[in-house]
């Protein structure tokens, strides 16, 4: 498998898992969904390997800066 496919699969599986957890709760407004998505994808960036980061075109420092951003910030 290529590195980019690995990253996509990892992020997709985390979204699916989080989606299953959310399924038990009532639907929230779309703004909350955006915040949730940002939080989870930023957390995922913090766990990528250097090879995975290279595949998505980020340096470790860029991933760290984005991953540590609060979920409410663009």
N, C-alpha and C. Protein backbone atom coordinates (compact mmCIF):
# COMPACT_ATOMS: atom_id res chain seq x y z
N UNK A 1 0.83 -1.18 0.00
CA UNK A 1 0.00 0.00 0.00
C UNK A 1 0.87 1.25 0.00
N UNK A 2 0.46 2.27 -0.71
CA UNK A 2 1.24 3.50 -0.71
C UNK A 2 0.97 4.26 0.59
N UNK A 3 1.89 5.15 0.92
CA UNK A 3 1.75 5.92 2.15
C UNK A 3 0.49 6.76 2.20
N UNK A 4 0.14 7.39 1.07
CA UNK A 4 -1.05 8.24 1.04
C UNK A 4 -2.30 7.41 1.29
N UNK A 5 -2.34 6.19 0.76
CA UNK A 5 -3.49 5.33 1.01
C UNK A 5 -3.58 4.97 2.48
N UNK A 6 -2.43 4.73 3.09
CA UNK A 6 -2.41 4.42 4.52
C UNK A 6 -2.97 5.57 5.34
N UNK A 7 -2.58 6.80 4.99
CA UNK A 7 -3.07 7.98 5.71
C UNK A 7 -4.58 8.11 5.55
N UNK A 8 -5.06 7.96 4.33
CA UNK A 8 -6.50 8.08 4.08
C UNK A 8 -7.27 7.01 4.84
N UNK A 9 -6.76 5.79 4.83
CA UNK A 9 -7.44 4.71 5.55
C UNK A 9 -7.47 4.99 7.04
N UNK A 10 -6.35 5.47 7.59
CA UNK A 10 -6.29 5.75 9.02
C UNK A 10 -7.28 6.85 9.38
N UNK A 11 -7.28 7.95 8.61
CA UNK A 11 -8.20 9.05 8.90
C UNK A 11 -9.65 8.61 8.71
N UNK A 12 -9.92 7.84 7.66
CA UNK A 12 -11.29 7.39 7.41
C UNK A 12 -11.77 6.46 8.53
N UNK A 13 -10.91 5.55 8.98
CA UNK A 13 -11.33 4.64 10.05
C UNK A 13 -11.61 5.40 11.33
N UNK A 14 -10.82 6.45 11.61
CA UNK A 14 -11.08 7.26 12.80
C UNK A 14 -12.39 8.01 12.68
N UNK A 15 -12.69 8.51 11.48
CA UNK A 15 -13.96 9.21 11.28
C UNK A 15 -15.14 8.25 11.43
N UNK A 16 -14.98 7.04 10.90
CA UNK A 16 -16.06 6.05 11.05
C UNK A 16 -16.29 5.70 12.51
N UNK A 17 -15.21 5.49 13.23
CA UNK A 17 -15.33 5.14 14.65
C UNK A 17 -16.00 6.28 15.42
N UNK A 18 -15.57 7.49 15.17
CA UNK A 18 -16.16 8.64 15.86
C UNK A 18 -17.62 8.81 15.43
N UNK A 19 -17.92 8.54 14.16
CA UNK A 19 -19.30 8.64 13.68
C UNK A 19 -20.20 7.65 14.37
N UNK A 20 -19.71 6.47 14.66
CA UNK A 20 -20.51 5.47 15.36
C UNK A 20 -20.80 5.93 16.78
N UNK A 21 -19.83 6.58 17.40
CA UNK A 21 -20.03 7.09 18.76
C UNK A 21 -21.08 8.20 18.75
N UNK A 22 -21.07 9.02 17.69
CA UNK A 22 -22.01 10.13 17.60
C UNK A 22 -23.41 9.68 17.22
N UNK A 23 -23.54 8.53 16.60
CA UNK A 23 -24.84 8.07 16.11
C UNK A 23 -25.86 7.95 17.23
N UNK A 24 -25.42 7.73 18.44
CA UNK A 24 -26.33 7.57 19.57
C UNK A 24 -26.87 8.91 20.07
N UNK A 25 -26.28 10.01 19.64
CA UNK A 25 -26.70 11.33 20.10
C UNK A 25 -27.54 12.01 19.03
N UNK A 26 -28.41 12.94 19.43
CA UNK A 26 -29.21 13.66 18.44
C UNK A 26 -28.33 14.48 17.51
N UNK A 27 -28.85 14.78 16.33
CA UNK A 27 -28.09 15.57 15.37
C UNK A 27 -27.81 16.96 15.92
N UNK A 28 -26.56 17.39 15.73
CA UNK A 28 -26.16 18.73 16.14
C UNK A 28 -26.16 19.65 14.93
N UNK A 29 -26.04 20.93 15.18
CA UNK A 29 -25.98 21.88 14.08
C UNK A 29 -24.70 21.66 13.29
N UNK A 30 -24.69 22.08 12.04
CA UNK A 30 -23.56 21.82 11.16
C UNK A 30 -22.26 22.44 11.68
N UNK A 31 -22.35 23.54 12.39
CA UNK A 31 -21.15 24.16 12.96
C UNK A 31 -20.44 23.23 13.93
N UNK A 32 -21.21 22.49 14.71
CA UNK A 32 -20.61 21.54 15.65
C UNK A 32 -19.93 20.39 14.90
N UNK A 33 -20.54 19.98 13.80
CA UNK A 33 -19.92 18.91 13.00
C UNK A 33 -18.56 19.38 12.46
N UNK A 34 -18.49 20.61 12.02
CA UNK A 34 -17.24 21.16 11.53
C UNK A 34 -16.19 21.19 12.64
N UNK A 35 -16.57 21.63 13.82
CA UNK A 35 -15.64 21.66 14.95
C UNK A 35 -15.14 20.26 15.28
N UNK A 36 -16.06 19.30 15.30
CA UNK A 36 -15.71 17.92 15.60
C UNK A 36 -14.72 17.38 14.57
N UNK A 37 -15.02 17.62 13.30
CA UNK A 37 -14.16 17.16 12.22
C UNK A 37 -12.76 17.75 12.35
N UNK A 38 -12.68 19.04 12.61
CA UNK A 38 -11.38 19.69 12.78
C UNK A 38 -10.61 19.06 13.94
N UNK A 39 -11.28 18.85 15.04
CA UNK A 39 -10.61 18.30 16.21
C UNK A 39 -10.01 16.93 15.92
N UNK A 40 -10.79 16.06 15.32
CA UNK A 40 -10.32 14.70 15.06
C UNK A 40 -9.23 14.65 13.99
N UNK A 41 -9.38 15.42 12.93
CA UNK A 41 -8.35 15.39 11.89
C UNK A 41 -7.06 16.02 12.38
N UNK A 42 -7.16 17.04 13.21
CA UNK A 42 -5.94 17.65 13.77
C UNK A 42 -5.24 16.71 14.73
N UNK A 43 -6.02 15.97 15.50
CA UNK A 43 -5.41 14.97 16.39
C UNK A 43 -4.72 13.88 15.58
N UNK A 44 -5.34 13.48 14.47
CA UNK A 44 -4.74 12.45 13.63
C UNK A 44 -3.40 12.90 13.06
N UNK A 45 -3.28 14.18 12.73
CA UNK A 45 -2.01 14.71 12.21
C UNK A 45 -0.87 14.49 13.20
N UNK A 46 -1.17 14.58 14.47
CA UNK A 46 -0.13 14.45 15.50
C UNK A 46 0.41 13.03 15.59
N UNK A 47 -0.29 12.06 15.01
CA UNK A 47 0.12 10.66 15.12
C UNK A 47 0.67 10.08 13.82
N UNK A 48 0.80 10.91 12.78
CA UNK A 48 1.32 10.41 11.51
C UNK A 48 2.84 10.26 11.57
N UNK A 49 3.34 9.28 10.85
CA UNK A 49 4.78 9.08 10.76
C UNK A 49 5.37 10.09 9.76
N UNK A 50 6.68 10.21 9.77
CA UNK A 50 7.35 11.11 8.82
C UNK A 50 7.05 10.73 7.37
N UNK A 51 6.98 9.44 7.09
CA UNK A 51 6.68 8.98 5.74
C UNK A 51 5.26 9.36 5.33
N UNK A 52 4.32 9.22 6.24
CA UNK A 52 2.93 9.59 5.96
C UNK A 52 2.82 11.10 5.75
N UNK A 53 3.53 11.87 6.58
CA UNK A 53 3.51 13.32 6.41
C UNK A 53 4.10 13.72 5.07
N UNK A 54 5.17 13.06 4.67
CA UNK A 54 5.78 13.36 3.37
C UNK A 54 4.77 13.06 2.26
N UNK A 55 4.02 11.98 2.39
CA UNK A 55 3.02 11.63 1.37
C UNK A 55 1.93 12.69 1.22
N UNK A 56 1.56 13.34 2.31
CA UNK A 56 0.52 14.37 2.24
C UNK A 56 1.12 15.77 2.06
N UNK A 57 2.45 15.85 1.99
CA UNK A 57 3.12 17.12 1.69
C UNK A 57 3.28 18.05 2.87
N UNK A 58 3.40 17.49 4.08
CA UNK A 58 3.60 18.31 5.27
C UNK A 58 4.90 17.94 5.96
N UNK A 59 5.49 18.92 6.61
CA UNK A 59 6.64 18.65 7.46
C UNK A 59 6.11 18.30 8.85
N UNK A 60 6.98 17.75 9.66
CA UNK A 60 6.58 17.43 11.04
C UNK A 60 6.17 18.70 11.79
N UNK A 61 6.87 19.79 11.54
CA UNK A 61 6.56 21.06 12.22
C UNK A 61 5.20 21.60 11.77
N UNK A 62 4.90 21.52 10.47
CA UNK A 62 3.60 21.98 9.98
C UNK A 62 2.47 21.15 10.58
N UNK A 63 2.67 19.85 10.64
CA UNK A 63 1.65 18.97 11.22
C UNK A 63 1.45 19.27 12.70
N UNK A 64 2.56 19.52 13.41
CA UNK A 64 2.47 19.84 14.83
C UNK A 64 1.70 21.15 15.04
N UNK A 65 2.03 22.17 14.24
CA UNK A 65 1.35 23.46 14.38
C UNK A 65 -0.15 23.32 14.10
N UNK A 66 -0.51 22.59 13.06
CA UNK A 66 -1.92 22.39 12.74
C UNK A 66 -2.60 21.51 13.77
N UNK A 67 -1.92 20.47 14.21
CA UNK A 67 -2.50 19.55 15.18
C UNK A 67 -2.75 20.16 16.54
N UNK A 68 -1.97 21.17 16.90
CA UNK A 68 -2.13 21.81 18.21
C UNK A 68 -3.09 23.00 18.18
N UNK A 69 -3.59 23.36 17.01
CA UNK A 69 -4.55 24.45 16.90
C UNK A 69 -5.86 24.06 17.59
N UNK A 70 -6.50 24.99 18.28
CA UNK A 70 -7.81 24.69 18.87
C UNK A 70 -8.83 24.38 17.77
N UNK A 71 -9.79 23.52 18.05
CA UNK A 71 -10.76 23.10 17.03
C UNK A 71 -11.63 24.23 16.52
N UNK A 72 -11.76 25.31 17.25
CA UNK A 72 -12.64 26.40 16.82
C UNK A 72 -11.93 27.37 15.87
N UNK A 73 -10.62 27.21 15.66
CA UNK A 73 -9.89 28.09 14.75
C UNK A 73 -9.74 27.46 13.38
N UNK A 74 -9.85 28.29 12.34
CA UNK A 74 -9.61 27.81 10.96
C UNK A 74 -8.17 27.54 10.75
